[in-house]
Amino acid sequence: GGLAATRHLIECGHRRIAIITGPEDMLCS
């Protein structure tokens, strides 16, 4: 899911992409 979301933004032409993931102690984040 993280890969697909980011690839979509890259394919749109973005290069400066930031991420706000979830809590650092959760493996899904």
All heavy atoms as atom14 arrays in JSON, in Angstrom:
{
  "sequence": "GGLAATRHLIECGHRRIAIITGPEDMLCS",
  "atom14_mask": [
    [1, 1, 1, 1, 0, 0, 0, 0, 0, 0, 0, 0, 0, 0],
    [1, 1, 1, 1, 0, 0, 0, 0, 0, 0, 0, 0, 0, 0],
    [1, 1, 1, 1, 1, 1, 1, 1, 0, 0, 0, 0, 0, 0],
    [1, 1, 1, 1, 1, 0, 0, 0, 0, 0, 0, 0, 0, 0],
    [1, 1, 1, 1, 1, 0, 0, 0, 0, 0, 0, 0, 0, 0],
    [1, 1, 1, 1, 1, 1, 1, 0, 0, 0, 0, 0, 0, 0],
    [1, 1, 1, 1, 1, 1, 1, 1, 1, 1, 1, 0, 0, 0],
    [1, 1, 1, 1, 1, 1, 1, 1, 1, 1, 0, 0, 0, 0],
    [1, 1, 1, 1, 1, 1, 1, 1, 0, 0, 0, 0, 0, 0],
    [1, 1, 1, 1, 1, 1, 1, 1, 0, 0, 0, 0, 0, 0],
    [1, 1, 1, 1, 1, 1, 1, 1, 1, 0, 0, 0, 0, 0],
    [1, 1, 1, 1, 1, 1, 0, 0, 0, 0, 0, 0, 0, 0],
    [1, 1, 1, 1, 0, 0, 0, 0, 0, 0, 0, 0, 0, 0],
    [1, 1, 1, 1, 1, 1, 1, 1, 1, 1, 0, 0, 0, 0],
    [1, 1, 1, 1, 1, 1, 1, 1, 1, 1, 1, 0, 0, 0],
    [1, 1, 1, 1, 1, 1, 1, 1, 1, 1, 1, 0, 0, 0],
    [1, 1, 1, 1, 1, 1, 1, 1, 0, 0, 0, 0, 0, 0],
    [1, 1, 1, 1, 1, 0, 0, 0, 0, 0, 0, 0, 0, 0],
    [1, 1, 1, 1, 1, 1, 1, 1, 0, 0, 0, 0, 0, 0],
    [1, 1, 1, 1, 1, 1, 1, 1, 0, 0, 0, 0, 0, 0],
    [1, 1, 1, 1, 1, 1, 1, 0, 0, 0, 0, 0, 0, 0],
    [1, 1, 1, 1, 0, 0, 0, 0, 0, 0, 0, 0, 0, 0],
    [1, 1, 1, 1, 1, 1, 1, 0, 0, 0, 0, 0, 0, 0],
    [1, 1, 1, 1, 1, 1, 1, 1, 1, 0, 0, 0, 0, 0],
    [1, 1, 1, 1, 1, 1, 1, 1, 0, 0, 0, 0, 0, 0],
    [1, 1, 1, 1, 1, 1, 1, 1, 0, 0, 0, 0, 0, 0],
    [1, 1, 1, 1, 1, 1, 1, 1, 0, 0, 0, 0, 0, 0],
    [1, 1, 1, 1, 1, 1, 0, 0, 0, 0, 0, 0, 0, 0],
    [1, 1, 1, 1, 1, 1, 0, 0, 0, 0, 0, 0, 0, 0]
  ],
  "atom14_positions": [
    [[0.82, -1.21, 0.0], [0.0, 0.0, 0.0], [0.85, 1.26, 0.0], [0.58, 2.22, -0.74], [0.0, 0.0, 0.0], [0.0, 0.0, 0.0], [0.0, 0.0, 0.0], [0.0, 0.0, 0.0], [0.0, 0.0, 0.0], [0.0, 0.0, 0.0], [0.0, 0.0, 0.0], [0.0, 0.0, 0.0], [0.0, 0.0, 0.0], [0.0, 0.0, 0.0]],
    [[1.9, 1.28, 0.83], [2.8, 2.42, 0.85], [3.53, 2.61, -0.47], [3.73, 3.74, -0.95], [0.0, 0.0, 0.0], [0.0, 0.0, 0.0], [0.0, 0.0, 0.0], [0.0, 0.0, 0.0], [0.0, 0.0, 0.0], [0.0, 0.0, 0.0], [0.0, 0.0, 0.0], [0.0, 0.0, 0.0], [0.0, 0.0, 0.0], [0.0, 0.0, 0.0]],
    [[3.92, 1.5, -1.07], [4.58, 1.54, -2.37], [3.65, 2.12, -3.44], [4.05, 3.0, -4.22], [5.03, 0.13, -2.77], [5.83, 0.01, -4.06], [7.28, 0.39, -3.82], [5.76, -1.43, -4.6], [0.0, 0.0, 0.0], [0.0, 0.0, 0.0], [0.0, 0.0, 0.0], [0.0, 0.0, 0.0], [0.0, 0.0, 0.0], [0.0, 0.0, 0.0]],
    [[2.41, 1.64, -3.49], [1.46, 2.09, -4.51], [1.14, 3.57, -4.37], [1.06, 4.31, -5.37], [0.18, 1.26, -4.43], [0.0, 0.0, 0.0], [0.0, 0.0, 0.0], [0.0, 0.0, 0.0], [0.0, 0.0, 0.0], [0.0, 0.0, 0.0], [0.0, 0.0, 0.0], [0.0, 0.0, 0.0], [0.0, 0.0, 0.0], [0.0, 0.0, 0.0]],
    [[0.95, 4.04, -3.14], [0.65, 5.45, -2.91], [1.77, 6.34, -3.4], [1.55, 7.36, -4.07], [0.39, 5.7, -1.42], [0.0, 0.0, 0.0], [0.0, 0.0, 0.0], [0.0, 0.0, 0.0], [0.0, 0.0, 0.0], [0.0, 0.0, 0.0], [0.0, 0.0, 0.0], [0.0, 0.0, 0.0], [0.0, 0.0, 0.0], [0.0, 0.0, 0.0]],
    [[3.0, 5.95, -3.09], [4.16, 6.77, -3.45], [4.42, 6.72, -4.95], [4.74, 7.74, -5.58], [5.39, 6.31, -2.66], [5.05, 6.19, -1.28], [6.54, 7.3, -2.82], [0.0, 0.0, 0.0], [0.0, 0.0, 0.0], [0.0, 0.0, 0.0], [0.0, 0.0, 0.0], [0.0, 0.0, 0.0], [0.0, 0.0, 0.0], [0.0, 0.0, 0.0]],
    [[4.29, 5.55, -5.55], [4.47, 5.43, -7.0], [3.48, 6.32, -7.75], [3.83, 6.91, -8.78], [4.3, 3.97, -7.43], [5.56, 3.13, -7.29], [5.33, 1.74, -7.81], [6.57, 0.98, -7.89], [6.63, -0.33, -8.12], [5.49, -1.02, -8.3], [7.78, -0.94, -8.19], [0.0, 0.0, 0.0], [0.0, 0.0, 0.0], [0.0, 0.0, 0.0]],
    [[2.26, 6.39, -7.26], [1.26, 7.22, -7.9], [1.71, 8.68, -7.92], [1.6, 9.37, -8.94], [-0.08, 7.09, -7.19], [-1.11, 8.08, -7.63], [-1.65, 8.08, -8.9], [-1.67, 9.14, -6.98], [-2.51, 9.09, -9.01], [-2.54, 9.75, -7.86], [0.0, 0.0, 0.0], [0.0, 0.0, 0.0], [0.0, 0.0, 0.0], [0.0, 0.0, 0.0]],
    [[2.23, 9.16, -6.79], [2.69, 10.54, -6.73], [3.89, 10.77, -7.64], [4.0, 11.82, -8.29], [3.03, 10.9, -5.28], [1.84, 10.96, -4.32], [2.31, 11.08, -2.88], [0.91, 12.12, -4.68], [0.0, 0.0, 0.0], [0.0, 0.0, 0.0], [0.0, 0.0, 0.0], [0.0, 0.0, 0.0], [0.0, 0.0, 0.0], [0.0, 0.0, 0.0]],
    [[4.79, 9.79, -7.7], [5.96, 9.91, -8.59], [5.5, 9.94, -10.05], [5.99, 10.74, -10.85], [6.93, 8.74, -8.34], [7.54, 8.86, -6.93], [8.03, 8.71, -9.4], [8.32, 7.64, -6.49], [0.0, 0.0, 0.0], [0.0, 0.0, 0.0], [0.0, 0.0, 0.0], [0.0, 0.0, 0.0], [0.0, 0.0, 0.0], [0.0, 0.0, 0.0]],
    [[4.54, 9.1, -10.38], [4.04, 9.07, -11.76], [3.32, 10.36, -12.13], [3.26, 10.74, -13.31], [3.11, 7.87, -11.94], [3.86, 6.53, -11.94], [2.94, 5.34, -11.8], [1.7, 5.55, -11.68], [3.45, 4.19, -11.78], [0.0, 0.0, 0.0], [0.0, 0.0, 0.0], [0.0, 0.0, 0.0], [0.0, 0.0, 0.0], [0.0, 0.0, 0.0]],
    [[2.78, 11.06, -11.12], [2.17, 12.37, -11.37], [3.23, 13.43, -11.65], [2.9, 14.54, -12.12], [1.33, 12.81, -10.17], [-0.26, 11.95, -10.0], [0.0, 0.0, 0.0], [0.0, 0.0, 0.0], [0.0, 0.0, 0.0], [0.0, 0.0, 0.0], [0.0, 0.0, 0.0], [0.0, 0.0, 0.0], [0.0, 0.0, 0.0], [0.0, 0.0, 0.0]],
    [[4.49, 13.12, -11.35], [5.58, 14.06, -11.6], [6.19, 14.66, -10.35], [7.1, 15.5, -10.45], [0.0, 0.0, 0.0], [0.0, 0.0, 0.0], [0.0, 0.0, 0.0], [0.0, 0.0, 0.0], [0.0, 0.0, 0.0], [0.0, 0.0, 0.0], [0.0, 0.0, 0.0], [0.0, 0.0, 0.0], [0.0, 0.0, 0.0], [0.0, 0.0, 0.0]],
    [[5.76, 14.24, -9.18], [6.29, 14.81, -7.93], [7.68, 14.25, -7.62], [7.96, 13.08, -7.87], [5.34, 14.52, -6.77], [4.03, 15.23, -6.88], [3.86, 16.52, -6.46], [2.83, 14.83, -7.4], [2.6, 16.9, -6.69], [1.96, 15.89, -7.27], [0.0, 0.0, 0.0], [0.0, 0.0, 0.0], [0.0, 0.0, 0.0], [0.0, 0.0, 0.0]],
    [[8.52, 15.11, -7.08], [9.85, 14.72, -6.66], [10.08, 15.03, -5.18], [10.84, 14.34, -4.52], [10.91, 15.45, -7.5], [10.85, 15.08, -9.0], [11.15, 13.6, -9.2], [11.04, 13.17, -10.59], [9.97, 12.6, -11.13], [8.88, 12.41, -10.37], [9.96, 12.22, -12.38], [0.0, 0.0, 0.0], [0.0, 0.0, 0.0], [0.0, 0.0, 0.0]],
    [[9.45, 16.07, -4.67], [9.55, 16.41, -3.25], [8.31, 15.88, -2.54], [7.28, 16.54, -2.45], [9.69, 17.93, -3.06], [10.96, 18.51, -3.66], [11.32, 19.88, -3.06], [10.21, 20.82, -3.05], [9.87, 21.58, -4.08], [10.52, 21.48, -5.23], [8.87, 22.44, -3.99], [0.0, 0.0, 0.0], [0.0, 0.0, 0.0], [0.0, 0.0, 0.0]],
    [[8.44, 14.64, -2.07], [7.3, 13.93, -1.47], [7.62, 13.65, -0.01], [8.67, 13.1, 0.31], [7.01, 12.6, -2.22], [6.82, 12.86, -3.71], [5.78, 11.92, -1.62], [6.73, 11.59, -4.54], [0.0, 0.0, 0.0], [0.0, 0.0, 0.0], [0.0, 0.0, 0.0], [0.0, 0.0, 0.0], [0.0, 0.0, 0.0], [0.0, 0.0, 0.0]],
    [[6.71, 14.02, 0.86], [6.87, 13.76, 2.3], [5.87, 12.7, 2.74], [4.86, 12.45, 2.07], [6.66, 15.04, 3.1], [0.0, 0.0, 0.0], [0.0, 0.0, 0.0], [0.0, 0.0, 0.0], [0.0, 0.0, 0.0], [0.0, 0.0, 0.0], [0.0, 0.0, 0.0], [0.0, 0.0, 0.0], [0.0, 0.0, 0.0], [0.0, 0.0, 0.0]],
    [[6.16, 12.09, 3.87], [5.24, 11.09, 4.43], [4.97, 11.41, 5.89], [5.88, 11.8, 6.65], [5.82, 9.65, 4.31], [4.82, 8.62, 4.9], [7.18, 9.53, 4.96], [5.22, 7.17, 4.67], [0.0, 0.0, 0.0], [0.0, 0.0, 0.0], [0.0, 0.0, 0.0], [0.0, 0.0, 0.0], [0.0, 0.0, 0.0], [0.0, 0.0, 0.0]],
    [[3.72, 11.32, 6.28], [3.32, 11.35, 7.69], [2.73, 9.97, 7.97], [1.57, 9.7, 7.66], [2.28, 12.45, 7.97], [2.79, 13.81, 7.51], [1.94, 12.48, 9.47], [1.73, 14.91, 7.56], [0.0, 0.0, 0.0], [0.0, 0.0, 0.0], [0.0, 0.0, 0.0], [0.0, 0.0, 0.0], [0.0, 0.0, 0.0], [0.0, 0.0, 0.0]],
    [[3.54, 9.07, 8.49], [3.05, 7.72, 8.76], [2.42, 7.68, 10.15], [2.21, 8.72, 10.77], [4.18, 6.69, 8.59], [3.63, 5.36, 8.64], [5.26, 6.84, 9.64], [0.0, 0.0, 0.0], [0.0, 0.0, 0.0], [0.0, 0.0, 0.0], [0.0, 0.0, 0.0], [0.0, 0.0, 0.0], [0.0, 0.0, 0.0], [0.0, 0.0, 0.0]],
    [[2.11, 6.49, 10.66], [1.48, 6.38, 11.97], [2.5, 6.33, 13.08], [3.67, 6.68, 12.9], [0.0, 0.0, 0.0], [0.0, 0.0, 0.0], [0.0, 0.0, 0.0], [0.0, 0.0, 0.0], [0.0, 0.0, 0.0], [0.0, 0.0, 0.0], [0.0, 0.0, 0.0], [0.0, 0.0, 0.0], [0.0, 0.0, 0.0], [0.0, 0.0, 0.0]],
    [[2.1, 5.89, 14.27], [3.01, 5.83, 15.42], [4.24, 4.97, 15.13], [4.17, 3.94, 14.45], [2.15, 5.2, 16.52], [0.74, 5.54, 16.12], [0.72, 5.49, 14.63], [0.0, 0.0, 0.0], [0.0, 0.0, 0.0], [0.0, 0.0, 0.0], [0.0, 0.0, 0.0], [0.0, 0.0, 0.0], [0.0, 0.0, 0.0], [0.0, 0.0, 0.0]],
    [[5.36, 5.39, 15.68], [6.63, 4.72, 15.41], [6.71, 3.32, 16.0], [7.53, 2.51, 15.57], [7.78, 5.59, 15.94], [9.14, 5.22, 15.42], [10.19, 6.27, 15.74], [9.85, 7.28, 16.41], [11.35, 6.08, 15.34], [0.0, 0.0, 0.0], [0.0, 0.0, 0.0], [0.0, 0.0, 0.0], [0.0, 0.0, 0.0], [0.0, 0.0, 0.0]],
    [[5.86, 3.01, 16.99], [5.92, 1.69, 17.62], [4.89, 0.72, 17.03], [4.62, -0.32, 17.63], [5.71, 1.81, 19.13], [4.36, 2.42, 19.5], [3.65, 2.92, 18.6], [4.01, 2.38, 20.7], [0.0, 0.0, 0.0], [0.0, 0.0, 0.0], [0.0, 0.0, 0.0], [0.0, 0.0, 0.0], [0.0, 0.0, 0.0], [0.0, 0.0, 0.0]],
    [[4.34, 1.04, 15.87], [3.39, 0.14, 15.21], [3.99, -0.34, 13.9], [4.42, 0.46, 13.06], [2.05, 0.85, 14.97], [1.33, 1.21, 16.26], [-0.22, 2.1, 15.97], [-1.23, 0.79, 15.3], [0.0, 0.0, 0.0], [0.0, 0.0, 0.0], [0.0, 0.0, 0.0], [0.0, 0.0, 0.0], [0.0, 0.0, 0.0], [0.0, 0.0, 0.0]],
    [[4.01, -1.65, 13.72], [4.66, -2.21, 12.54], [3.98, -1.82, 11.25], [4.61, -1.72, 10.21], [4.74, -3.73, 12.66], [5.74, -4.25, 13.7], [5.72, -5.77, 13.73], [7.15, -3.76, 13.38], [0.0, 0.0, 0.0], [0.0, 0.0, 0.0], [0.0, 0.0, 0.0], [0.0, 0.0, 0.0], [0.0, 0.0, 0.0], [0.0, 0.0, 0.0]],
    [[2.66, -1.58, 11.27], [1.99, -1.16, 10.04], [2.52, 0.2, 9.61], [2.68, 0.46, 8.41], [0.48, -1.12, 10.22], [-0.12, 0.14, 11.35], [0.0, 0.0, 0.0], [0.0, 0.0, 0.0], [0.0, 0.0, 0.0], [0.0, 0.0, 0.0], [0.0, 0.0, 0.0], [0.0, 0.0, 0.0], [0.0, 0.0, 0.0], [0.0, 0.0, 0.0]],
    [[2.8, 1.1, 10.56], [3.37, 2.4, 10.23], [4.73, 2.23, 9.56], [5.04, 2.9, 8.56], [3.54, 3.25, 11.49], [2.34, 3.38, 12.2], [0.0, 0.0, 0.0], [0.0, 0.0, 0.0], [0.0, 0.0, 0.0], [0.0, 0.0, 0.0], [0.0, 0.0, 0.0], [0.0, 0.0, 0.0], [0.0, 0.0, 0.0], [0.0, 0.0, 0.0]]
  ]
}
